[in-house]
Amino acid sequence: MLLRLFSIMALTWSLNILYKMTEGDAQKTVMWINLYFDASFGIIIFVLFILKRSTLRLILKSIRA
């Protein structure tokens, strides 16, 4: 579980470092990729940590009842 969180965090840190190392149009592209990734960070954490098969079953069971 911690490995997944570390991987997500490492990706954002790597994108920030890559942003600082690039120049011009490449920097702008990396900035936008990083911006979209940061904006969807909450959704990614939700899917990786909360949305599990057992959770989906409980949600579907409560909807059907």
C-alpha atoms as a PDB file:
ATOM      1  CA  MET A   1       0.000   0.000   0.000  1.00  0.00           C
ATOM      2  CA  LEU A   2       2.790   2.407   0.816  1.00  0.00           C
ATOM      3  CA  LEU A   3       4.596   1.426  -2.354  1.00  0.00           C
ATOM      4  CA  ARG A   4       1.636   2.609  -4.435  1.00  0.00           C
ATOM      5  CA  LEU A   5       1.557   5.935  -2.609  1.00  0.00           C
ATOM      6  CA  PHE A   6       5.315   6.319  -2.978  1.00  0.00           C
ATOM      7  CA  SER A   7       5.049   5.616  -6.716  1.00  0.00           C
ATOM      8  CA  ILE A   8       2.400   8.293  -7.197  1.00  0.00           C
ATOM      9  CA  MET A   9       4.368  10.823  -5.177  1.00  0.00           C
ATOM     10  CA  ALA A  10       7.606   9.957  -6.985  1.00  0.00           C
ATOM     11  CA  LEU A  11       5.907  10.559 -10.327  1.00  0.00           C
ATOM     12  CA  THR A  12       4.790  14.049  -9.319  1.00  0.00           C
ATOM     13  CA  TRP A  13       8.211  14.877  -7.912  1.00  0.00           C
ATOM     14  CA  SER A  14       9.879  13.582 -11.080  1.00  0.00           C
ATOM     15  CA  LEU A  15       7.620  15.723 -13.247  1.00  0.00           C
ATOM     16  CA  ASN A  16       8.497  18.780 -11.165  1.00  0.00           C
ATOM     17  CA  ILE A  17      12.218  18.060 -11.521  1.00  0.00           C
ATOM     18  CA  LEU A  18      11.783  17.488 -15.265  1.00  0.00           C
ATOM     19  CA  TYR A  19       9.940  20.810 -15.491  1.00  0.00           C
ATOM     20  CA  LYS A  20      12.882  22.612 -13.894  1.00  0.00           C
ATOM     21  CA  MET A  21      15.374  20.911 -16.231  1.00  0.00           C
ATOM     22  CA  THR A  22      13.605  21.681 -19.520  1.00  0.00           C
ATOM     23  CA  GLU A  23      13.272  24.923 -21.443  1.00  0.00           C
ATOM     24  CA  GLY A  24      10.968  26.423 -24.064  1.00  0.00           C
ATOM     25  CA  ASP A  25       8.082  24.422 -25.530  1.00  0.00           C
ATOM     26  CA  ALA A  26       9.177  21.235 -23.765  1.00  0.00           C
ATOM     27  CA  GLN A  27       8.897  23.000 -20.418  1.00  0.00           C
ATOM     28  CA  LYS A  28       5.388  24.153 -21.268  1.00  0.00           C
ATOM     29  CA  THR A  29       4.377  20.592 -22.217  1.00  0.00           C
ATOM     30  CA  VAL A  30       5.800  19.144 -19.005  1.00  0.00           C
ATOM     31  CA  MET A  31       4.042  21.888 -17.040  1.00  0.00           C
ATOM     32  CA  TRP A  32       0.653  20.957 -18.545  1.00  0.00           C
ATOM     33  CA  ILE A  33       1.202  17.223 -17.965  1.00  0.00           C
ATOM     34  CA  ASN A  34       2.142  17.963 -14.368  1.00  0.00           C
ATOM     35  CA  LEU A  35      -0.852  20.266 -13.953  1.00  0.00           C
ATOM     36  CA  TYR A  36      -3.321  17.646 -15.193  1.00  0.00           C
ATOM     37  CA  PHE A  37      -1.702  14.945 -13.080  1.00  0.00           C
ATOM     38  CA  ASP A  38      -1.834  17.124  -9.958  1.00  0.00           C
ATOM     39  CA  ALA A  39      -5.459  18.000 -10.661  1.00  0.00           C
ATOM     40  CA  SER A  40      -6.418  14.334 -10.920  1.00  0.00           C
ATOM     41  CA  PHE A  41      -4.320  13.316  -7.912  1.00  0.00           C
ATOM     42  CA  GLY A  42      -7.358  12.865  -5.670  1.00  0.00           C
ATOM     43  CA  ILE A  43      -9.111  10.662  -8.203  1.00  0.00           C
ATOM     44  CA  ILE A  44      -6.001   8.522  -8.630  1.00  0.00           C
ATOM     45  CA  ILE A  45      -5.664   8.040  -4.863  1.00  0.00           C
ATOM     46  CA  PHE A  46      -9.375   7.191  -4.615  1.00  0.00           C
ATOM     47  CA  VAL A  47      -9.109   4.548  -7.325  1.00  0.00           C
ATOM     48  CA  LEU A  48      -5.921   2.992  -5.951  1.00  0.00           C
ATOM     49  CA  PHE A  49      -6.770   2.950  -2.251  1.00  0.00           C
ATOM     50  CA  ILE A  50     -10.537   3.144  -1.803  1.00  0.00           C
ATOM     51  CA  LEU A  51     -12.087   1.622  -4.903  1.00  0.00           C
ATOM     52  CA  LYS A  52     -11.546  -2.092  -4.382  1.00  0.00           C
ATOM     53  CA  ARG A  53     -13.608  -5.077  -5.429  1.00  0.00           C
ATOM     54  CA  SER A  54     -15.153  -5.457  -1.981  1.00  0.00           C
ATOM     55  CA  THR A  55     -16.044  -1.762  -1.889  1.00  0.00           C
ATOM     56  CA  LEU A  56     -17.659  -1.966  -5.315  1.00  0.00           C
ATOM     57  CA  ARG A  57     -19.725  -4.943  -4.180  1.00  0.00           C
ATOM     58  CA  LEU A  58     -20.943  -3.013  -1.133  1.00  0.00           C
ATOM     59  CA  ILE A  59     -21.865  -0.008  -3.273  1.00  0.00           C
ATOM     60  CA  LEU A  60     -23.732  -2.150  -5.796  1.00  0.00           C
ATOM     61  CA  LYS A  61     -25.471  -4.027  -2.992  1.00  0.00           C
ATOM     62  CA  SER A  62     -26.640  -0.786  -1.387  1.00  0.00           C
ATOM     63  CA  ILE A  63     -27.872   0.579  -4.723  1.00  0.00           C
ATOM     64  CA  ARG A  64     -29.872  -2.545  -5.482  1.00  0.00           C
ATOM     65  CA  ALA A  65     -31.446  -2.701  -2.017  1.00  0.00           C
END
